[in-house]
Amino acid sequence: MTTAPYYSRSGGLDIQHLGQTTTTLQQVQSPQTAPLRMLLWVVDAVSIGLSAFHGYRRHNGSVGAAVGWGVLGAVFPIITPAVAFAQGFGKPMVKSNKRRTRRASRRRNRR
């Protein structure tokens, strides 16, 4: 087991391996974590896509909302799609009908 030097022989700030042994470097890059990383990458990509689509459709074609929902999907890959499905996936926001509010009905009845 050989240890890598802390600094290069040329001097300066050329830090190379910080004293890690070659077996340590091989353990950090083990291929056993590759399937888990790939699964997390796929979950993150699907979350971004679903969240961006929901934001685009929910806000009547707003690209800004799609980008915002996509960013939230990247940061919170499990929570954001769950909120999107709870809101009704891809359904536009329901805006209140002014004719059916109390104020509007009161105004109509006075006239």
N, C-alpha and C. Protein backbone atom coordinates (compact mmCIF):
# COMPACT_ATOMS: atom_id res chain seq x y z
N MET A 1 0.85 -1.16 0.00
CA MET A 1 0.00 0.00 0.00
C MET A 1 0.90 1.23 0.00
N THR A 2 0.77 2.04 -1.03
CA THR A 2 1.58 3.26 -1.12
C THR A 2 0.70 4.46 -0.84
N THR A 3 1.32 5.44 -0.24
CA THR A 3 0.57 6.66 0.06
C THR A 3 0.93 7.73 -0.96
N ALA A 4 -0.07 8.43 -1.41
CA ALA A 4 0.17 9.52 -2.36
C ALA A 4 0.70 10.72 -1.59
N PRO A 5 1.55 11.52 -2.21
CA PRO A 5 2.11 12.69 -1.51
C PRO A 5 1.02 13.76 -1.31
N TYR A 6 1.21 14.53 -0.24
CA TYR A 6 0.26 15.61 0.02
C TYR A 6 0.42 16.73 -0.99
N TYR A 7 1.63 17.03 -1.34
CA TYR A 7 1.90 18.14 -2.26
C TYR A 7 2.75 17.63 -3.40
N SER A 8 2.70 18.35 -4.50
CA SER A 8 3.54 17.97 -5.63
C SER A 8 4.98 18.40 -5.35
N ARG A 9 5.88 17.82 -6.05
CA ARG A 9 7.30 18.13 -5.84
C ARG A 9 7.66 19.52 -6.38
N SER A 10 6.81 20.07 -7.25
CA SER A 10 7.12 21.37 -7.83
C SER A 10 6.80 22.52 -6.88
N GLY A 11 6.06 22.27 -5.81
CA GLY A 11 5.72 23.33 -4.87
C GLY A 11 4.47 24.07 -5.31
N GLY A 12 4.12 25.14 -4.63
CA GLY A 12 2.93 25.90 -4.98
C GLY A 12 1.68 25.27 -4.37
N LEU A 13 0.54 25.55 -4.95
CA LEU A 13 -0.73 25.06 -4.43
C LEU A 13 -1.25 23.87 -5.23
N ASP A 14 -0.39 23.10 -5.81
CA ASP A 14 -0.78 21.97 -6.63
C ASP A 14 -1.04 20.75 -5.75
N ILE A 15 -2.18 20.74 -5.04
CA ILE A 15 -2.54 19.63 -4.16
C ILE A 15 -3.07 18.50 -5.01
N GLN A 16 -2.57 17.29 -4.75
CA GLN A 16 -2.97 16.18 -5.62
C GLN A 16 -3.92 15.21 -4.94
N HIS A 17 -3.48 14.42 -3.99
CA HIS A 17 -4.31 13.34 -3.46
C HIS A 17 -4.63 13.46 -1.98
N LEU A 18 -4.05 14.38 -1.28
CA LEU A 18 -4.28 14.59 0.15
C LEU A 18 -4.01 13.34 0.98
N GLY A 19 -3.05 12.54 0.58
CA GLY A 19 -2.61 11.42 1.39
C GLY A 19 -3.49 10.20 1.36
N GLN A 20 -4.40 10.07 0.45
CA GLN A 20 -5.25 8.89 0.38
C GLN A 20 -4.47 7.75 -0.28
N THR A 21 -4.68 6.56 0.21
CA THR A 21 -4.02 5.41 -0.39
C THR A 21 -4.80 4.99 -1.63
N THR A 22 -4.16 4.19 -2.46
CA THR A 22 -4.82 3.76 -3.70
C THR A 22 -6.01 2.85 -3.41
N THR A 23 -5.97 2.07 -2.32
CA THR A 23 -7.12 1.22 -2.00
C THR A 23 -8.31 2.07 -1.55
N THR A 24 -8.05 3.20 -0.88
CA THR A 24 -9.13 4.09 -0.49
C THR A 24 -9.80 4.68 -1.72
N LEU A 25 -9.01 5.07 -2.70
CA LEU A 25 -9.57 5.62 -3.92
C LEU A 25 -10.41 4.59 -4.66
N GLN A 26 -10.00 3.35 -4.64
CA GLN A 26 -10.76 2.31 -5.31
C GLN A 26 -12.07 2.03 -4.57
N GLN A 27 -12.08 2.14 -3.26
CA GLN A 27 -13.30 1.90 -2.50
C GLN A 27 -14.33 3.01 -2.72
N VAL A 28 -13.87 4.23 -2.86
CA VAL A 28 -14.78 5.35 -3.08
C VAL A 28 -15.49 5.20 -4.42
N GLN A 29 -14.81 4.71 -5.43
CA GLN A 29 -15.37 4.57 -6.76
C GLN A 29 -15.83 3.15 -7.05
N SER A 30 -16.35 2.46 -6.06
CA SER A 30 -16.74 1.07 -6.26
C SER A 30 -17.96 0.99 -7.18
N PRO A 31 -18.04 -0.03 -8.01
CA PRO A 31 -19.17 -0.15 -8.93
C PRO A 31 -20.45 -0.65 -8.27
N GLN A 32 -20.40 -0.99 -6.99
CA GLN A 32 -21.59 -1.48 -6.31
C GLN A 32 -22.62 -0.39 -6.11
N THR A 33 -22.21 0.87 -6.04
CA THR A 33 -23.15 1.97 -5.86
C THR A 33 -23.71 2.45 -7.19
N ALA A 34 -23.24 1.95 -8.30
CA ALA A 34 -23.69 2.41 -9.61
C ALA A 34 -25.18 2.18 -9.85
N PRO A 35 -25.76 1.00 -9.54
CA PRO A 35 -27.21 0.85 -9.78
C PRO A 35 -28.06 1.79 -8.94
N LEU A 36 -27.65 2.04 -7.71
CA LEU A 36 -28.40 2.95 -6.86
C LEU A 36 -28.33 4.37 -7.40
N ARG A 37 -27.15 4.78 -7.83
CA ARG A 37 -27.01 6.11 -8.41
C ARG A 37 -27.84 6.25 -9.67
N MET A 38 -27.85 5.21 -10.49
CA MET A 38 -28.64 5.25 -11.72
C MET A 38 -30.12 5.33 -11.40
N LEU A 39 -30.57 4.60 -10.39
CA LEU A 39 -31.97 4.64 -9.99
C LEU A 39 -32.35 6.04 -9.49
N LEU A 40 -31.50 6.63 -8.67
CA LEU A 40 -31.77 7.98 -8.17
C LEU A 40 -31.77 9.00 -9.30
N TRP A 41 -30.88 8.82 -10.27
CA TRP A 41 -30.84 9.72 -11.42
C TRP A 41 -32.13 9.61 -12.22
N VAL A 42 -32.63 8.40 -12.43
CA VAL A 42 -33.87 8.20 -13.19
C VAL A 42 -35.05 8.78 -12.43
N VAL A 43 -35.11 8.56 -11.11
CA VAL A 43 -36.20 9.12 -10.30
C VAL A 43 -36.18 10.64 -10.37
N ASP A 44 -35.00 11.23 -10.32
CA ASP A 44 -34.87 12.68 -10.39
C ASP A 44 -35.31 13.20 -11.75
N ALA A 45 -34.91 12.53 -12.83
CA ALA A 45 -35.27 12.97 -14.18
C ALA A 45 -36.78 12.86 -14.40
N VAL A 46 -37.38 11.78 -13.94
CA VAL A 46 -38.83 11.61 -14.08
C VAL A 46 -39.56 12.67 -13.25
N SER A 47 -39.07 12.96 -12.07
CA SER A 47 -39.68 13.97 -11.22
C SER A 47 -39.62 15.35 -11.87
N ILE A 48 -38.50 15.68 -12.49
CA ILE A 48 -38.37 16.97 -13.18
C ILE A 48 -39.38 17.05 -14.32
N GLY A 49 -39.47 15.98 -15.11
CA GLY A 49 -40.38 15.98 -16.25
C GLY A 49 -41.84 16.09 -15.83
N LEU A 50 -42.25 15.28 -14.86
CA LEU A 50 -43.63 15.32 -14.38
C LEU A 50 -43.97 16.68 -13.77
N SER A 51 -43.07 17.21 -12.98
CA SER A 51 -43.34 18.48 -12.31
C SER A 51 -43.40 19.63 -13.31
N ALA A 52 -42.51 19.64 -14.28
CA ALA A 52 -42.53 20.70 -15.29
C ALA A 52 -43.80 20.63 -16.13
N PHE A 53 -44.22 19.44 -16.50
CA PHE A 53 -45.46 19.29 -17.27
C PHE A 53 -46.66 19.77 -16.47
N HIS A 54 -46.70 19.40 -15.21
CA HIS A 54 -47.81 19.83 -14.35
C HIS A 54 -47.83 21.36 -14.22
N GLY A 55 -46.67 21.97 -14.00
CA GLY A 55 -46.60 23.42 -13.88
C GLY A 55 -47.03 24.13 -15.16
N TYR A 56 -46.65 23.58 -16.31
CA TYR A 56 -47.01 24.16 -17.60
C TYR A 56 -48.52 24.09 -17.81
N ARG A 57 -49.11 22.94 -17.55
CA ARG A 57 -50.55 22.77 -17.77
C ARG A 57 -51.38 23.49 -16.72
N ARG A 58 -50.92 23.46 -15.49
CA ARG A 58 -51.71 24.05 -14.41
C ARG A 58 -51.81 25.56 -14.54
N HIS A 59 -50.78 26.18 -15.06
CA HIS A 59 -50.74 27.64 -15.17
C HIS A 59 -50.97 28.09 -16.61
N ASN A 60 -51.77 27.34 -17.35
CA ASN A 60 -52.23 27.70 -18.69
C ASN A 60 -51.08 28.02 -19.66
N GLY A 61 -50.10 27.17 -19.73
CA GLY A 61 -49.01 27.30 -20.69
C GLY A 61 -47.90 28.25 -20.29
N SER A 62 -47.74 28.52 -19.03
CA SER A 62 -46.69 29.42 -18.57
C SER A 62 -45.36 28.66 -18.49
N VAL A 63 -44.39 29.14 -19.27
CA VAL A 63 -43.07 28.50 -19.28
C VAL A 63 -42.35 28.75 -17.96
N GLY A 64 -42.56 29.93 -17.38
CA GLY A 64 -41.95 30.23 -16.09
C GLY A 64 -42.42 29.30 -14.99
N ALA A 65 -43.71 28.99 -15.01
CA ALA A 65 -44.24 28.05 -14.02
C ALA A 65 -43.68 26.66 -14.26
N ALA A 66 -43.51 26.29 -15.53
CA ALA A 66 -42.94 24.98 -15.85
C ALA A 66 -41.50 24.88 -15.35
N VAL A 67 -40.73 25.93 -15.54
CA VAL A 67 -39.34 25.94 -15.05
C VAL A 67 -39.32 25.89 -13.52
N GLY A 68 -40.18 26.66 -12.89
CA GLY A 68 -40.24 26.66 -11.42
C GLY A 68 -40.61 25.30 -10.86
N TRP A 69 -41.64 24.68 -11.43
CA TRP A 69 -42.03 23.34 -10.98
C TRP A 69 -40.94 22.34 -11.28
N GLY A 70 -40.25 22.49 -12.41
CA GLY A 70 -39.15 21.57 -12.74
C GLY A 70 -38.01 21.68 -11.74
N VAL A 71 -37.68 22.90 -11.34
CA VAL A 71 -36.63 23.10 -10.34
C VAL A 71 -37.05 22.49 -9.01
N LEU A 72 -38.30 22.70 -8.63
CA LEU A 72 -38.79 22.09 -7.40
C LEU A 72 -38.76 20.56 -7.50
N GLY A 73 -39.06 20.03 -8.68
CA GLY A 73 -38.98 18.58 -8.88
C GLY A 73 -37.58 18.05 -8.76
N ALA A 74 -36.58 18.87 -9.13
CA ALA A 74 -35.19 18.46 -9.00
C ALA A 74 -34.73 18.51 -7.55
N VAL A 75 -35.19 19.51 -6.81
CA VAL A 75 -34.76 19.67 -5.43
C VAL A 75 -35.49 18.69 -4.50
N PHE A 76 -36.78 18.52 -4.74
CA PHE A 76 -37.60 17.63 -3.92
C PHE A 76 -38.24 16.57 -4.82
N PRO A 77 -37.49 15.55 -5.22
CA PRO A 77 -37.98 14.62 -6.24
C PRO A 77 -39.14 13.73 -5.82
N ILE A 78 -39.42 13.59 -4.56
CA ILE A 78 -40.54 12.76 -4.13
C ILE A 78 -41.75 13.62 -3.78
N ILE A 79 -41.51 14.74 -3.12
CA ILE A 79 -42.60 15.57 -2.62
C ILE A 79 -43.32 16.30 -3.75
N THR A 80 -42.58 16.86 -4.71
CA THR A 80 -43.19 17.70 -5.74
C THR A 80 -44.19 16.94 -6.61
N PRO A 81 -43.86 15.74 -7.14
CA PRO A 81 -44.89 15.02 -7.91
C PRO A 81 -46.09 14.62 -7.05
N ALA A 82 -45.87 14.34 -5.78
CA ALA A 82 -46.98 14.01 -4.89
C ALA A 82 -47.93 15.20 -4.75
N VAL A 83 -47.38 16.40 -4.62
CA VAL A 83 -48.21 17.61 -4.55
C VAL A 83 -48.93 17.82 -5.87
N ALA A 84 -48.23 17.57 -6.99
CA ALA A 84 -48.84 17.74 -8.31
C ALA A 84 -50.04 16.80 -8.47
N PHE A 85 -49.91 15.56 -8.06
CA PHE A 85 -51.02 14.62 -8.17
C PHE A 85 -52.14 14.98 -7.20
N ALA A 86 -51.81 15.54 -6.05
CA ALA A 86 -52.83 15.96 -5.10
C ALA A 86 -53.63 17.15 -5.64
N GLN A 87 -52.98 18.01 -6.43
CA GLN A 87 -53.66 19.15 -7.02
C GLN A 87 -54.47 18.77 -8.25
N GLY A 88 -54.31 17.56 -8.73
CA GLY A 88 -54.97 17.15 -9.97
C GLY A 88 -53.96 17.32 -11.09
N PHE A 89 -53.27 16.27 -11.43
CA PHE A 89 -52.11 16.35 -12.31
C PHE A 89 -52.47 17.00 -13.65
N GLY A 90 -51.90 18.15 -13.92
CA GLY A 90 -52.06 18.84 -15.20
C GLY A 90 -53.38 19.56 -15.37
N LYS A 91 -54.22 19.61 -14.36
CA LYS A 91 -55.49 20.32 -14.49
C LYS A 91 -55.26 21.80 -14.22
N PRO A 92 -55.86 22.67 -15.02
CA PRO A 92 -55.69 24.11 -14.78
C PRO A 92 -56.25 24.53 -13.43
N MET A 93 -55.70 25.62 -12.89
CA MET A 93 -56.18 26.12 -11.60
C MET A 93 -57.61 26.60 -11.76
N VAL A 94 -58.40 26.35 -10.76
CA VAL A 94 -59.79 26.81 -10.78
C VAL A 94 -59.81 28.22 -10.24
N LYS A 95 -60.30 29.13 -11.06
CA LYS A 95 -60.40 30.52 -10.63
C LYS A 95 -61.83 30.76 -10.17
N SER A 96 -61.98 31.60 -9.18
CA SER A 96 -63.32 31.83 -8.64
C SER A 96 -64.19 32.55 -9.66
N ASN A 97 -65.44 32.21 -9.67
CA ASN A 97 -66.40 32.84 -10.55
C ASN A 97 -66.96 34.06 -9.85
N LYS A 98 -66.75 35.23 -10.43
CA LYS A 98 -67.16 36.47 -9.77
C LYS A 98 -68.68 36.56 -9.64
N ARG A 99 -69.41 35.91 -10.51
CA ARG A 99 -70.87 35.98 -10.43
C ARG A 99 -71.41 35.21 -9.23
N ARG A 100 -70.67 34.26 -8.76
CA ARG A 100 -71.17 33.43 -7.67
C ARG A 100 -70.62 33.81 -6.31
N THR A 101 -69.83 34.83 -6.23
CA THR A 101 -69.32 35.25 -4.92
C THR A 101 -70.38 36.05 -4.18
N ARG A 102 -70.24 36.18 -2.90
CA ARG A 102 -71.25 36.89 -2.09
C ARG A 102 -71.34 38.36 -2.45
N ARG A 103 -70.21 38.99 -2.67
CA ARG A 103 -70.22 40.42 -2.99
C ARG A 103 -70.98 40.70 -4.27
N ALA A 104 -70.68 39.91 -5.29
CA ALA A 104 -71.34 40.14 -6.58
C ALA A 104 -72.83 39.91 -6.48
N SER A 105 -73.25 38.90 -5.73
CA SER A 105 -74.69 38.64 -5.60
C SER A 105 -75.35 39.75 -4.79
N ARG A 106 -74.68 40.30 -3.82
CA ARG A 106 -75.24 41.41 -3.05
C ARG A 106 -75.40 42.64 -3.92
N ARG A 107 -74.41 42.90 -4.75
CA ARG A 107 -74.49 44.06 -5.64
C ARG A 107 -75.62 43.89 -6.64
N ARG A 108 -75.80 42.71 -7.14
CA ARG A 108 -76.87 42.47 -8.12
C ARG A 108 -78.24 42.65 -7.48
N ASN A 109 -78.38 42.21 -6.25
CA ASN A 109 -79.68 42.30 -5.59
C ASN A 109 -80.05 43.73 -5.22
N ARG A 110 -79.09 44.60 -5.02
CA ARG A 110 -79.36 46.00 -4.65
C ARG A 110 -79.90 46.77 -5.84
N ARG A 111 -79.49 46.46 -7.01
CA ARG A 111 -79.89 47.24 -8.19
C ARG A 111 -81.23 46.91 -8.68
